[in-house]
Amino acid sequence: MSPTPPSKRQKILTSVENNNNNNIHSNTSSNLSNGMEANGEFTDLDESLYSRQLYVYGAEGMRRMAATDILVIGLEGLGLEVAKNIILAGVKSVTLCDNTPLCVSDLTSHYFAGLNDIGYPRAEICKNKLSELNNHVSVRVLNKNKLGTEDFRKFSVVVLNQASEDLCVEYGDICRSLSIKFIVASTCGLFGKVFCDLVPTSLYMIQTGEVLPSVM
């Protein structure tokens, strides 16, 4: 990553100055590089890694991101891409959940897998590769075929990929009862869809009054 231009760099440093006039800097042994200490409190950020994100999101946005635990369910091609982007963004942790054995057809979109991985759980296959993308983010695997309420409780956001309608409703109800943000994503050929339940309230508005076309 190339250095931040001087004009932008100054804005970044100014925006995250704390009361002691300590600017963000590379991590020391006392704190993690994504801005989280062992006790879970936000301190400093690795400026060389997150400088552009700090400029775009601001200190508050990065602080919230660095404190977020995310569960990604479903590690086909779509779920893998979702997990990759979240990890690169610098959240606190990403937990992967998909015990489905990898099959030959998965290789068309699962770019972290090869022929030797066929038959092994999707989440286990991609964990190590995803961890290498950002060593400041904790990447774990949840080895369960069916999740219950307690499995969701520690997460801030749940992303469910390529799931049946029944499973979307079931997990969505659990997340809403726990005030966890819930996102459903799926693709079908060239088309895709996303549903977001950003509890406690969500507002949906079509300004033109027209009915949205459906292609699924």
C-alpha atoms as a PDB file:
ATOM      1  CA  MET A   1       0.000   0.000   0.000  1.00  0.00           C
ATOM      2  CA  SER A   2       1.503   3.328  -1.055  1.00  0.00           C
ATOM      3  CA  PRO A   3       1.889   6.160   1.502  1.00  0.00           C
ATOM      4  CA  THR A   4      -1.027   8.515   2.055  1.00  0.00           C
ATOM      5  CA  PRO A   5      -0.634  11.917   0.333  1.00  0.00           C
ATOM      6  CA  PRO A   6       0.502  14.601   2.833  1.00  0.00           C
ATOM      7  CA  SER A   7      -2.761  16.554   2.691  1.00  0.00           C
ATOM      8  CA  LYS A   8      -4.839  13.476   3.450  1.00  0.00           C
ATOM      9  CA  ARG A   9      -2.414  12.231   6.072  1.00  0.00           C
ATOM     10  CA  GLN A  10      -2.774  15.431   8.075  1.00  0.00           C
ATOM     11  CA  LYS A  11      -6.563  15.151   8.055  1.00  0.00           C
ATOM     12  CA  ILE A  12      -6.397  11.555   9.258  1.00  0.00           C
ATOM     13  CA  LEU A  13      -4.084  12.334  12.128  1.00  0.00           C
ATOM     14  CA  THR A  14      -6.118  15.327  13.221  1.00  0.00           C
ATOM     15  CA  SER A  15      -9.402  13.418  13.180  1.00  0.00           C
ATOM     16  CA  VAL A  16      -8.256  10.732  15.571  1.00  0.00           C
ATOM     17  CA  GLU A  17      -6.277  12.758  18.074  1.00  0.00           C
ATOM     18  CA  ASN A  18      -7.333  11.874  21.588  1.00  0.00           C
ATOM     19  CA  ASN A  19      -7.348  14.050  24.664  1.00  0.00           C
ATOM     20  CA  ASN A  20      -3.686  13.339  25.287  1.00  0.00           C
ATOM     21  CA  ASN A  21      -2.759  14.442  21.750  1.00  0.00           C
ATOM     22  CA  ASN A  22      -1.584  10.916  20.941  1.00  0.00           C
ATOM     23  CA  ASN A  23      -1.977  10.288  17.213  1.00  0.00           C
ATOM     24  CA  ILE A  24      -2.604   6.913  15.657  1.00  0.00           C
ATOM     25  CA  HIS A  25       0.533   4.921  15.032  1.00  0.00           C
ATOM     26  CA  SER A  26       1.762   1.438  14.292  1.00  0.00           C
ATOM     27  CA  ASN A  27       0.932  -1.083  16.983  1.00  0.00           C
ATOM     28  CA  THR A  28       3.161  -1.707  19.947  1.00  0.00           C
ATOM     29  CA  SER A  29       3.368  -4.754  22.147  1.00  0.00           C
ATOM     30  CA  SER A  30       0.604  -3.348  24.359  1.00  0.00           C
ATOM     31  CA  ASN A  31      -2.126  -3.240  21.701  1.00  0.00           C
ATOM     32  CA  LEU A  32      -3.223  -4.994  18.546  1.00  0.00           C
ATOM     33  CA  SER A  33      -2.797  -3.392  15.142  1.00  0.00           C
ATOM     34  CA  ASN A  34      -6.493  -3.230  14.379  1.00  0.00           C
ATOM     35  CA  GLY A  35      -6.982  -0.918  17.352  1.00  0.00           C
ATOM     36  CA  MET A  36      -8.201  -3.432  19.900  1.00  0.00           C
ATOM     37  CA  GLU A  37      -6.444  -4.281  23.143  1.00  0.00           C
ATOM     38  CA  ALA A  38      -6.745  -7.691  24.768  1.00  0.00           C
ATOM     39  CA  ASN A  39      -9.549  -6.337  26.947  1.00  0.00           C
ATOM     40  CA  GLY A  40     -11.531  -5.392  23.842  1.00  0.00           C
ATOM     41  CA  GLU A  41     -11.086  -1.621  24.152  1.00  0.00           C
ATOM     42  CA  PHE A  42     -10.177   0.498  21.144  1.00  0.00           C
ATOM     43  CA  THR A  43      -6.798   2.214  21.307  1.00  0.00           C
ATOM     44  CA  ASP A  44      -4.603   2.813  18.257  1.00  0.00           C
ATOM     45  CA  LEU A  45      -4.674   1.760  14.603  1.00  0.00           C
ATOM     46  CA  ASP A  46      -1.948   0.638  12.250  1.00  0.00           C
ATOM     47  CA  GLU A  47      -1.835   3.822  10.199  1.00  0.00           C
ATOM     48  CA  SER A  48       0.213   2.270   7.394  1.00  0.00           C
ATOM     49  CA  LEU A  49      -2.459  -0.388   6.861  1.00  0.00           C
ATOM     50  CA  TYR A  50      -5.686   1.560   7.430  1.00  0.00           C
ATOM     51  CA  SER A  51      -4.758   5.122   6.409  1.00  0.00           C
ATOM     52  CA  ARG A  52      -7.168   5.308   3.474  1.00  0.00           C
ATOM     53  CA  GLN A  53     -10.015   3.754   5.433  1.00  0.00           C
ATOM     54  CA  LEU A  54      -9.460   6.236   8.240  1.00  0.00           C
ATOM     55  CA  TYR A  55      -9.739   9.065   5.744  1.00  0.00           C
ATOM     56  CA  VAL A  56     -12.984   7.681   4.291  1.00  0.00           C
ATOM     57  CA  TYR A  57     -14.737   6.311   7.395  1.00  0.00           C
ATOM     58  CA  GLY A  58     -13.267   8.554  10.071  1.00  0.00           C
ATOM     59  CA  ALA A  59     -12.077   7.582  13.540  1.00  0.00           C
ATOM     60  CA  GLU A  60     -15.541   6.678  14.843  1.00  0.00           C
ATOM     61  CA  GLY A  61     -16.289   4.417  11.888  1.00  0.00           C
ATOM     62  CA  MET A  62     -12.990   2.596  12.213  1.00  0.00           C
ATOM     63  CA  ARG A  63     -13.420   2.271  15.973  1.00  0.00           C
ATOM     64  CA  ARG A  64     -16.787   0.599  15.499  1.00  0.00           C
ATOM     65  CA  MET A  65     -15.442  -1.640  12.745  1.00  0.00           C
ATOM     66  CA  ALA A  66     -12.460  -2.733  14.841  1.00  0.00           C
ATOM     67  CA  ALA A  67     -14.824  -3.801  17.641  1.00  0.00           C
ATOM     68  CA  THR A  68     -17.113  -5.899  15.443  1.00  0.00           C
ATOM     69  CA  ASP A  69     -17.411  -9.704  15.550  1.00  0.00           C
ATOM     70  CA  ILE A  70     -18.974 -11.112  12.380  1.00  0.00           C
ATOM     71  CA  LEU A  71     -20.365 -14.561  11.601  1.00  0.00           C
ATOM     72  CA  VAL A  72     -20.317 -15.641   7.943  1.00  0.00           C
ATOM     73  CA  ILE A  73     -22.514 -18.664   7.222  1.00  0.00           C
ATOM     74  CA  GLY A  74     -22.103 -20.401   3.864  1.00  0.00           C
ATOM     75  CA  LEU A  75     -18.696 -20.506   2.193  1.00  0.00           C
ATOM     76  CA  GLU A  76     -19.485 -21.052  -1.466  1.00  0.00           C
ATOM     77  CA  GLY A  77     -18.047 -18.522  -3.904  1.00  0.00           C
ATOM     78  CA  LEU A  78     -20.266 -15.694  -2.637  1.00  0.00           C
ATOM     79  CA  GLY A  79     -19.615 -16.356   1.036  1.00  0.00           C
ATOM     80  CA  LEU A  80     -15.884 -16.599   0.416  1.00  0.00           C
ATOM     81  CA  GLU A  81     -15.880 -13.199  -1.287  1.00  0.00           C
ATOM     82  CA  VAL A  82     -17.896 -11.686   1.567  1.00  0.00           C
ATOM     83  CA  ALA A  83     -15.498 -13.081   4.174  1.00  0.00           C
ATOM     84  CA  LYS A  84     -12.456 -11.885   2.220  1.00  0.00           C
ATOM     85  CA  ASN A  85     -13.695  -8.302   1.976  1.00  0.00           C
ATOM     86  CA  ILE A  86     -14.723  -8.146   5.630  1.00  0.00           C
ATOM     87  CA  ILE A  87     -11.325  -9.396   6.769  1.00  0.00           C
ATOM     88  CA  LEU A  88      -9.478  -6.897   4.582  1.00  0.00           C
ATOM     89  CA  ALA A  89     -11.608  -4.107   6.078  1.00  0.00           C
ATOM     90  CA  GLY A  90     -10.153  -4.760   9.539  1.00  0.00           C
ATOM     91  CA  VAL A  91     -12.934  -5.969  11.814  1.00  0.00           C
ATOM     92  CA  LYS A  92     -12.195  -7.557  15.185  1.00  0.00           C
ATOM     93  CA  SER A  93     -12.997 -11.141  14.203  1.00  0.00           C
ATOM     94  CA  VAL A  94     -14.640 -13.245  11.506  1.00  0.00           C
ATOM     95  CA  THR A  95     -16.106 -16.671  12.257  1.00  0.00           C
ATOM     96  CA  LEU A  96     -16.702 -19.038   9.337  1.00  0.00           C
ATOM     97  CA  CYS A  97     -19.483 -21.622   9.418  1.00  0.00           C
ATOM     98  CA  ASP A  98     -19.896 -24.200   6.640  1.00  0.00           C
ATOM     99  CA  ASN A  99     -19.336 -27.924   7.185  1.00  0.00           C
ATOM    100  CA  THR A 100     -20.478 -28.809   3.659  1.00  0.00           C
ATOM    101  CA  PRO A 101     -17.857 -30.989   1.918  1.00  0.00           C
ATOM    102  CA  LEU A 102     -16.248 -29.228  -1.030  1.00  0.00           C
ATOM    103  CA  CYS A 103     -17.292 -30.682  -4.395  1.00  0.00           C
ATOM    104  CA  VAL A 104     -15.891 -30.328  -7.906  1.00  0.00           C
ATOM    105  CA  SER A 105     -18.454 -27.695  -8.921  1.00  0.00           C
ATOM    106  CA  ASP A 106     -17.300 -25.469  -6.034  1.00  0.00           C
ATOM    107  CA  LEU A 107     -13.940 -25.043  -7.753  1.00  0.00           C
ATOM    108  CA  THR A 108     -15.518 -22.729 -10.335  1.00  0.00           C
ATOM    109  CA  SER A 109     -15.815 -19.974  -7.707  1.00  0.00           C
ATOM    110  CA  HIS A 110     -13.877 -21.137  -4.631  1.00  0.00           C
ATOM    111  CA  TYR A 111     -10.486 -19.623  -5.476  1.00  0.00           C
ATOM    112  CA  PHE A 112      -8.810 -20.808  -2.251  1.00  0.00           C
ATOM    113  CA  ALA A 113      -9.528 -24.484  -2.988  1.00  0.00           C
ATOM    114  CA  GLY A 114      -7.985 -27.109  -5.244  1.00  0.00           C
ATOM    115  CA  LEU A 115      -8.598 -30.688  -6.321  1.00  0.00           C
ATOM    116  CA  ASN A 116      -6.869 -31.996  -3.202  1.00  0.00           C
ATOM    117  CA  ASP A 117      -9.439 -30.200  -1.029  1.00  0.00           C
ATOM    118  CA  ILE A 118     -12.473 -32.028  -2.419  1.00  0.00           C
ATOM    119  CA  GLY A 119     -14.406 -33.741   0.364  1.00  0.00           C
ATOM    120  CA  TYR A 120     -13.173 -31.462   3.155  1.00  0.00           C
ATOM    121  CA  PRO A 121     -15.410 -28.851   4.868  1.00  0.00           C
ATOM    122  CA  ARG A 122     -15.519 -25.546   2.996  1.00  0.00           C
ATOM    123  CA  ALA A 123     -14.874 -23.409   6.074  1.00  0.00           C
ATOM    124  CA  GLU A 124     -11.815 -25.406   7.128  1.00  0.00           C
ATOM    125  CA  ILE A 125     -10.379 -25.237   3.612  1.00  0.00           C
ATOM    126  CA  CYS A 126     -10.395 -21.451   3.373  1.00  0.00           C
ATOM    127  CA  LYS A 127      -9.617 -20.521   7.003  1.00  0.00           C
ATOM    128  CA  ASN A 128      -5.821 -20.419   6.700  1.00  0.00           C
ATOM    129  CA  LYS A 129      -5.821 -18.530   3.405  1.00  0.00           C
ATOM    130  CA  LEU A 130      -8.283 -15.973   4.729  1.00  0.00           C
ATOM    131  CA  SER A 131      -6.204 -15.528   7.889  1.00  0.00           C
ATOM    132  CA  GLU A 132      -3.193 -14.608   5.762  1.00  0.00           C
ATOM    133  CA  LEU A 133      -5.051 -11.637   4.248  1.00  0.00           C
ATOM    134  CA  ASN A 134      -4.963  -9.617   7.474  1.00  0.00           C
ATOM    135  CA  ASN A 135      -3.111 -10.964  10.494  1.00  0.00           C
ATOM    136  CA  HIS A 136      -4.740  -8.269  12.648  1.00  0.00           C
ATOM    137  CA  VAL A 137      -8.129  -9.990  12.300  1.00  0.00           C
ATOM    138  CA  SER A 138      -8.952 -13.175  14.186  1.00  0.00           C
ATOM    139  CA  VAL A 139     -10.410 -15.833  11.850  1.00  0.00           C
ATOM    140  CA  ARG A 140     -12.140 -18.833  13.407  1.00  0.00           C
ATOM    141  CA  VAL A 141     -14.272 -21.776  12.300  1.00  0.00           C
ATOM    142  CA  LEU A 142     -17.580 -22.760  13.914  1.00  0.00           C
ATOM    143  CA  ASN A 143     -17.968 -26.490  13.316  1.00  0.00           C
ATOM    144  CA  LYS A 144     -21.729 -26.909  13.473  1.00  0.00           C
ATOM    145  CA  ASN A 145     -24.302 -27.994  10.928  1.00  0.00           C
ATOM    146  CA  LYS A 146     -27.209 -26.390  12.775  1.00  0.00           C
ATOM    147  CA  LEU A 147     -26.945 -23.254  14.887  1.00  0.00           C
ATOM    148  CA  GLY A 148     -28.978 -22.366  17.949  1.00  0.00           C
ATOM    149  CA  THR A 149     -29.631 -19.119  19.764  1.00  0.00           C
ATOM    150  CA  GLU A 150     -26.497 -19.328  21.926  1.00  0.00           C
ATOM    151  CA  ASP A 151     -24.285 -19.699  18.854  1.00  0.00           C
ATOM    152  CA  PHE A 152     -25.330 -16.239  17.640  1.00  0.00           C
ATOM    153  CA  ARG A 153     -25.165 -14.332  20.901  1.00  0.00           C
ATOM    154  CA  LYS A 154     -21.545 -13.085  20.696  1.00  0.00           C
ATOM    155  CA  PHE A 155     -21.792 -11.606  17.191  1.00  0.00           C
ATOM    156  CA  SER A 156     -22.603  -8.070  16.083  1.00  0.00           C
ATOM    157  CA  VAL A 157     -23.448  -9.007  12.483  1.00  0.00           C
ATOM    158  CA  VAL A 158     -24.479 -12.278  10.821  1.00  0.00           C
ATOM    159  CA  VAL A 159     -24.157 -12.782   7.059  1.00  0.00           C
ATOM    160  CA  LEU A 160     -26.052 -15.772   5.628  1.00  0.00           C
ATOM    161  CA  ASN A 161     -25.182 -16.809   2.070  1.00  0.00           C
ATOM    162  CA  GLN A 162     -26.965 -19.029  -0.450  1.00  0.00           C
ATOM    163  CA  ALA A 163     -29.487 -20.348   2.093  1.00  0.00           C
ATOM    164  CA  SER A 164     -33.040 -21.649   1.850  1.00  0.00           C
ATOM    165  CA  GLU A 165     -35.959 -19.382   2.686  1.00  0.00           C
ATOM    166  CA  ASP A 166     -36.801 -21.445   5.768  1.00  0.00           C
ATOM    167  CA  LEU A 167     -33.272 -21.095   7.125  1.00  0.00           C
ATOM    168  CA  CYS A 168     -33.266 -17.358   6.399  1.00  0.00           C
ATOM    169  CA  VAL A 169     -36.476 -16.914   8.376  1.00  0.00           C
ATOM    170  CA  GLU A 170     -35.270 -19.093  11.263  1.00  0.00           C
ATOM    171  CA  TYR A 171     -31.895 -17.399  11.660  1.00  0.00           C
ATOM    172  CA  GLY A 172     -33.413 -13.994  11.001  1.00  0.00           C
ATOM    173  CA  ASP A 173     -35.864 -14.435  13.870  1.00  0.00           C
ATOM    174  CA  ILE A 174     -33.030 -15.440  16.200  1.00  0.00           C
ATOM    175  CA  CYS A 175     -30.900 -12.447  15.226  1.00  0.00           C
ATOM    176  CA  ARG A 176     -33.796 -10.024  15.638  1.00  0.00           C
ATOM    177  CA  SER A 177     -34.558 -11.405  19.108  1.00  0.00           C
ATOM    178  CA  LEU A 178     -30.919 -10.749  20.060  1.00  0.00           C
ATOM    179  CA  SER A 179     -30.718  -7.342  18.295  1.00  0.00           C
ATOM    180  CA  ILE A 180     -28.050  -8.655  15.911  1.00  0.00           C
ATOM    181  CA  LYS A 181     -27.806  -7.164  12.431  1.00  0.00           C
ATOM    182  CA  PHE A 182     -28.732  -9.818   9.865  1.00  0.00           C
ATOM    183  CA  ILE A 183     -27.797  -9.866   6.180  1.00  0.00           C
ATOM    184  CA  VAL A 184     -28.885 -12.443   3.601  1.00  0.00           C
ATOM    185  CA  ALA A 185     -27.139 -12.648   0.234  1.00  0.00           C
ATOM    186  CA  SER A 186     -27.505 -14.984  -2.722  1.00  0.00           C
ATOM    187  CA  THR A 187     -26.609 -15.190  -6.386  1.00  0.00           C
ATOM    188  CA  CYS A 188     -28.165 -16.995  -9.323  1.00  0.00           C
ATOM    189  CA  GLY A 189     -26.171 -16.770 -12.531  1.00  0.00           C
ATOM    190  CA  LEU A 190     -25.779 -13.100 -13.418  1.00  0.00           C
ATOM    191  CA  PHE A 191     -28.314 -11.973 -10.812  1.00  0.00           C
ATOM    192  CA  GLY A 192     -28.056 -11.451  -7.084  1.00  0.00           C
ATOM    193  CA  LYS A 193     -30.081 -10.237  -4.129  1.00  0.00           C
ATOM    194  CA  VAL A 194     -29.404  -8.887  -0.658  1.00  0.00           C
ATOM    195  CA  PHE A 195     -31.719  -8.531   2.343  1.00  0.00           C
ATOM    196  CA  CYS A 196     -30.696  -6.501   5.397  1.00  0.00           C
ATOM    197  CA  ASP A 197     -32.399  -6.462   8.788  1.00  0.00           C
ATOM    198  CA  LEU A 198     -30.606  -3.654  10.618  1.00  0.00           C
ATOM    199  CA  VAL A 199     -32.327  -3.907  13.969  1.00  0.00           C
ATOM    200  CA  PRO A 200     -34.037  -2.375  15.835  1.00  0.00           C
ATOM    201  CA  THR A 201     -35.656  -0.548  12.913  1.00  0.00           C
ATOM    202  CA  SER A 202     -35.280  -0.613   9.150  1.00  0.00           C
ATOM    203  CA  LEU A 203     -36.752   1.852   6.653  1.00  0.00           C
ATOM    204  CA  TYR A 204     -37.558   0.846   3.082  1.00  0.00           C
ATOM    205  CA  MET A 205     -38.614   3.514   0.616  1.00  0.00           C
ATOM    206  CA  ILE A 206     -39.364   3.565  -3.112  1.00  0.00           C
ATOM    207  CA  GLN A 207     -39.498   7.244  -3.976  1.00  0.00           C
ATOM    208  CA  THR A 208     -41.124   6.769  -7.396  1.00  0.00           C
ATOM    209  CA  GLY A 209     -43.842   4.520  -6.073  1.00  0.00           C
ATOM    210  CA  GLU A 210     -43.047   1.972  -8.765  1.00  0.00           C
ATOM    211  CA  VAL A 211     -42.985  -1.741  -8.012  1.00  0.00           C
ATOM    212  CA  LEU A 212     -39.438  -3.083  -8.099  1.00  0.00           C
ATOM    213  CA  PRO A 213     -38.914  -5.626 -10.904  1.00  0.00           C
ATOM    214  CA  SER A 214     -38.077  -9.194  -9.917  1.00  0.00           C
ATOM    215  CA  VAL A 215     -35.660 -11.459 -11.759  1.00  0.00           C
ATOM    216  CA  MET A 216     -35.330 -14.320  -9.280  1.00  0.00           C
END
